[in-house]
Amino acid sequence: MTVTGRRKTDGARALEALRDESASVRLRAALAVGSAPDPRFVAELVERCAVEPEFFVRDMLTWALTRHPVADTLPLLLDEARSERAQARSQALHSLSKVGDPRGWRAITRGVLTDADDEVARSAWRASVLLVPEEEEAALAAVLVTQLGRGGHATQLSLSRALIALGDATAPALDLAKRAADPVVRAHALATERLRHDPDTGFAFALEEAKRTVALGPAADGVGGT
């Protein structure tokens, strides 16, 4: 058998192993596919990302995608970011952030930034701050602050990190959010602001302090009064 023929056989076996019942077998298969990139593997890698139940295997699948030419991966990932399947959207956005091509910004729509699925939204937030063009940073911050107060601790922390990553572009939108009618939104905004200025402050502590400040009223949070 020729080297080319052997490679085809090995590739076919690896693709088949991506569907194995054993997570460790799937992990090794994703590693093998990424170690020997082939354009024929890309569609299967993207599809497996949408259905793979184990996080560590999905992460290896994403790594395998980054090993392939952007010209082969980008179009499929952009399409997948609009999938009806939440995991497909989430993992495609995550993969786009790892691929790092600026054209991946096209996948960052208001729809994914405000997606009803927390994992999709969190993936979109993380990808957005990595892919956003400088001239779009303020507009991105304005959308992100609409999600303040959403979800549990992990979701709120992800959003705060994204807003902080935007730097000074965040300030105007965050200032408005600190005056929101909803006390949960206001507290999250205040906690994010504190973390911007004091990164060593733990998020849980900053949020609890912000909640107490909001409970004490405008005079305490510094956003009301004369």
Protein backbone atom coordinates (compact mmCIF):
# COMPACT_ATOMS: atom_id res chain seq x y z
CA MET A 1 0.00 0.00 0.00
CA THR A 2 1.29 3.50 -0.84
CA VAL A 3 1.87 6.18 1.81
CA THR A 4 -1.15 8.06 0.45
CA GLY A 5 -3.27 4.94 0.68
CA ARG A 6 -2.14 4.29 4.24
CA ARG A 7 -3.01 7.86 5.18
CA LYS A 8 -6.48 7.49 3.71
CA THR A 9 -7.03 4.31 5.69
CA ASP A 10 -5.72 5.86 8.92
CA GLY A 11 -7.90 8.92 8.38
CA ALA A 12 -11.00 6.80 7.82
CA ARG A 13 -10.28 4.87 11.00
CA ALA A 14 -9.81 8.07 12.99
CA LEU A 15 -13.07 9.52 11.72
CA GLU A 16 -14.86 6.31 12.64
CA ALA A 17 -13.25 6.41 16.10
CA LEU A 18 -14.69 9.89 16.67
CA ARG A 19 -18.05 8.12 17.06
CA ASP A 20 -16.79 5.43 19.46
CA GLU A 21 -18.68 4.82 22.71
CA SER A 22 -15.49 5.41 24.73
CA ALA A 23 -14.60 9.04 25.42
CA SER A 24 -10.90 8.17 25.64
CA VAL A 25 -11.04 6.59 22.18
CA ARG A 26 -12.78 9.69 20.81
CA LEU A 27 -10.15 11.89 22.43
CA ARG A 28 -7.29 9.96 20.83
CA ALA A 29 -9.09 10.07 17.49
CA ALA A 30 -9.47 13.86 17.64
CA LEU A 31 -5.76 14.12 18.49
CA ALA A 32 -4.89 11.90 15.54
CA VAL A 33 -7.03 13.93 13.13
CA GLY A 34 -5.48 17.17 14.33
CA SER A 35 -1.99 15.72 14.06
CA ALA A 36 -2.50 14.86 10.39
CA PRO A 37 -4.72 17.64 8.99
CA ASP A 38 -6.77 16.79 5.94
CA PRO A 39 -9.50 18.99 4.39
CA ARG A 40 -11.76 15.94 4.19
CA PHE A 41 -11.88 15.80 8.00
CA VAL A 42 -13.21 19.31 8.61
CA ALA A 43 -16.93 18.72 8.09
CA GLU A 44 -16.88 15.68 10.39
CA LEU A 45 -14.96 17.59 13.07
CA VAL A 46 -17.53 20.40 13.00
CA GLU A 47 -20.40 17.93 13.17
CA ARG A 48 -18.84 16.04 16.07
CA CYS A 49 -18.47 19.30 18.00
CA ALA A 50 -22.24 19.69 17.82
CA VAL A 51 -22.99 16.33 19.44
CA GLU A 52 -19.91 15.38 21.53
CA PRO A 53 -21.04 15.09 25.19
CA GLU A 54 -17.61 15.39 26.87
CA PHE A 55 -16.05 18.83 27.29
CA PHE A 56 -12.44 17.61 27.07
CA VAL A 57 -13.17 15.80 23.80
CA ARG A 58 -14.91 18.86 22.37
CA ASP A 59 -11.85 20.90 23.26
CA MET A 60 -9.63 18.47 21.37
CA LEU A 61 -11.99 18.62 18.40
CA THR A 62 -11.62 22.40 18.42
CA TRP A 63 -7.85 22.03 18.57
CA ALA A 64 -8.01 19.70 15.59
CA LEU A 65 -10.00 22.31 13.67
CA THR A 66 -7.37 24.96 14.40
CA ARG A 67 -4.79 22.70 12.79
CA HIS A 68 -6.58 22.92 9.45
CA PRO A 69 -6.41 25.84 7.00
CA VAL A 70 -8.77 28.71 7.86
CA ALA A 71 -10.10 28.60 4.32
CA ASP A 72 -11.49 25.13 5.07
CA THR A 73 -12.80 25.74 8.60
CA LEU A 74 -14.13 29.30 8.60
CA PRO A 75 -17.11 28.88 6.22
CA LEU A 76 -18.40 25.81 8.06
CA LEU A 77 -17.98 27.40 11.48
CA LEU A 78 -19.79 30.55 10.38
CA ASP A 79 -22.70 28.42 9.18
CA GLU A 80 -22.68 26.34 12.36
CA ALA A 81 -22.89 29.46 14.52
CA ARG A 82 -26.41 29.88 13.11
CA SER A 83 -27.43 26.27 13.77
CA GLU A 84 -30.71 25.43 15.47
CA ARG A 85 -28.76 23.22 17.90
CA ALA A 86 -27.49 25.10 20.94
CA GLN A 87 -24.33 23.03 21.38
CA ALA A 88 -23.49 23.49 17.72
CA ARG A 89 -23.77 27.27 18.08
CA SER A 90 -21.79 27.32 21.30
CA GLN A 91 -18.94 25.15 20.06
CA ALA A 92 -18.73 26.91 16.69
CA LEU A 93 -18.36 30.25 18.46
CA HIS A 94 -15.74 28.76 20.76
CA SER A 95 -13.86 27.34 17.77
CA LEU A 96 -14.00 30.67 15.95
CA SER A 97 -12.39 32.33 18.96
CA LYS A 98 -9.59 29.75 18.86
CA VAL A 99 -9.13 30.03 15.09
CA GLY A 100 -8.80 33.76 15.68
CA ASP A 101 -9.45 34.93 12.14
CA PRO A 102 -10.95 38.47 12.15
CA ARG A 103 -13.59 37.34 9.66
CA GLY A 104 -15.09 35.28 12.47
CA TRP A 105 -16.60 38.54 13.71
CA ARG A 106 -19.39 37.98 11.17
CA ALA A 107 -20.77 35.28 13.47
CA ILE A 108 -21.11 37.68 16.40
CA THR A 109 -24.67 38.86 16.00
CA ARG A 110 -27.01 40.35 18.56
CA GLY A 111 -28.84 37.03 18.39
CA VAL A 112 -25.92 34.98 19.71
CA LEU A 113 -24.89 37.66 22.22
CA THR A 114 -28.38 37.49 23.73
CA ASP A 115 -29.03 33.80 23.04
CA ALA A 116 -31.50 32.20 25.44
CA ASP A 117 -29.04 29.37 26.06
CA ASP A 118 -26.45 30.48 28.63
CA GLU A 119 -23.65 28.38 27.15
CA VAL A 120 -24.19 29.87 23.70
CA ALA A 121 -24.28 33.40 25.09
CA ARG A 122 -21.14 32.83 27.16
CA SER A 123 -19.29 31.45 24.14
CA ALA A 124 -20.44 34.46 22.13
CA TRP A 125 -19.26 36.89 24.81
CA ARG A 126 -15.82 35.28 24.99
CA ALA A 127 -15.46 35.16 21.22
CA SER A 128 -16.76 38.68 20.71
CA VAL A 129 -14.07 40.41 22.75
CA LEU A 130 -11.37 38.49 20.89
CA LEU A 131 -12.72 39.15 17.40
CA VAL A 132 -14.29 42.62 17.67
CA PRO A 133 -12.83 45.33 15.42
CA GLU A 134 -11.75 48.38 17.40
CA GLU A 135 -14.42 50.57 15.83
CA GLU A 136 -17.15 48.15 16.99
CA GLU A 137 -16.09 47.92 20.65
CA ALA A 138 -18.50 50.55 21.99
CA ALA A 139 -21.45 49.04 20.12
CA LEU A 140 -20.53 45.59 21.42
CA ALA A 141 -20.38 46.91 24.99
CA ALA A 142 -23.83 48.45 24.56
CA VAL A 143 -25.25 45.04 23.65
CA LEU A 144 -23.38 43.20 26.39
CA VAL A 145 -24.69 45.43 29.17
CA THR A 146 -28.24 44.44 28.21
CA GLN A 147 -27.35 41.01 29.63
CA LEU A 148 -26.25 42.26 33.06
CA GLY A 149 -28.01 40.47 35.90
CA ARG A 150 -28.60 37.39 33.79
CA GLY A 151 -28.11 33.84 35.08
CA GLY A 152 -26.08 32.44 37.94
CA HIS A 153 -22.60 33.15 39.23
CA ALA A 154 -20.68 31.58 36.31
CA THR A 155 -22.75 33.38 33.68
CA GLN A 156 -22.47 36.74 35.41
CA LEU A 157 -18.72 36.30 35.86
CA SER A 158 -18.31 35.51 32.15
CA LEU A 159 -20.17 38.67 31.21
CA SER A 160 -18.16 40.82 33.61
CA ARG A 161 -14.92 39.43 32.19
CA ALA A 162 -16.05 40.21 28.66
CA LEU A 163 -16.98 43.78 29.56
CA ILE A 164 -13.69 44.30 31.38
CA ALA A 165 -11.77 42.94 28.38
CA LEU A 166 -13.22 45.76 26.25
CA GLY A 167 -11.43 48.31 28.42
CA ASP A 168 -12.45 51.95 28.21
CA ALA A 169 -15.04 51.19 25.51
CA THR A 170 -17.17 49.67 28.27
CA ALA A 171 -17.37 52.78 30.44
CA PRO A 172 -20.30 54.70 28.85
CA ALA A 173 -22.58 51.65 28.63
CA LEU A 174 -21.64 50.51 32.12
CA ASP A 175 -22.35 53.97 33.55
CA LEU A 176 -25.88 53.76 32.17
CA ALA A 177 -26.34 50.27 33.58
CA LYS A 178 -25.37 51.48 37.05
CA ARG A 179 -28.52 53.61 36.94
CA ALA A 180 -30.83 50.81 35.80
CA ALA A 181 -34.19 50.40 37.48
CA ASP A 182 -33.55 46.70 38.11
CA PRO A 183 -31.47 46.31 41.31
CA VAL A 184 -29.98 43.02 40.07
CA VAL A 185 -28.69 44.74 36.93
CA ARG A 186 -27.43 47.68 38.95
CA ALA A 187 -25.55 45.42 41.36
CA HIS A 188 -23.94 43.45 38.53
CA ALA A 189 -22.88 46.69 36.85
CA LEU A 190 -21.36 48.03 40.08
CA ALA A 191 -19.51 44.76 40.68
CA THR A 192 -18.14 44.83 37.14
CA GLU A 193 -17.02 48.42 37.59
CA ARG A 194 -15.19 47.50 40.79
CA LEU A 195 -13.41 44.64 39.05
CA ARG A 196 -12.37 46.98 36.24
CA HIS A 197 -10.54 49.17 38.72
CA ASP A 198 -9.41 46.45 41.12
CA PRO A 199 -8.83 43.17 39.23
CA ASP A 200 -7.62 41.45 42.41
CA THR A 201 -11.07 41.73 43.98
CA GLY A 202 -12.92 38.42 43.81
CA PHE A 203 -16.13 38.52 41.79
CA ALA A 204 -18.25 36.97 44.54
CA PHE A 205 -17.04 39.56 47.04
CA ALA A 206 -17.51 42.44 44.58
CA LEU A 207 -21.04 41.29 43.79
CA GLU A 208 -22.06 40.94 47.44
CA GLU A 209 -20.66 44.38 48.19
CA ALA A 210 -22.55 45.78 45.21
CA LYS A 211 -25.80 44.19 46.38
CA ARG A 212 -25.40 45.79 49.79
CA THR A 213 -24.66 49.14 48.18
CA VAL A 214 -27.77 48.92 46.01
CA ALA A 215 -29.89 47.93 49.01
CA LEU A 216 -28.75 51.06 50.86
CA GLY A 217 -30.02 53.26 48.04
CA PRO A 218 -28.71 55.91 45.62
CA ALA A 219 -26.67 57.79 48.22
CA ALA A 220 -24.59 54.68 48.83
CA ASP A 221 -24.01 53.58 45.23
CA GLY A 222 -23.05 57.06 44.11
CA VAL A 223 -25.30 57.16 41.06
CA GLY A 224 -28.20 59.17 42.40
CA GLY A 225 -28.77 62.35 44.27
CA THR A 226 -27.82 65.83 43.24
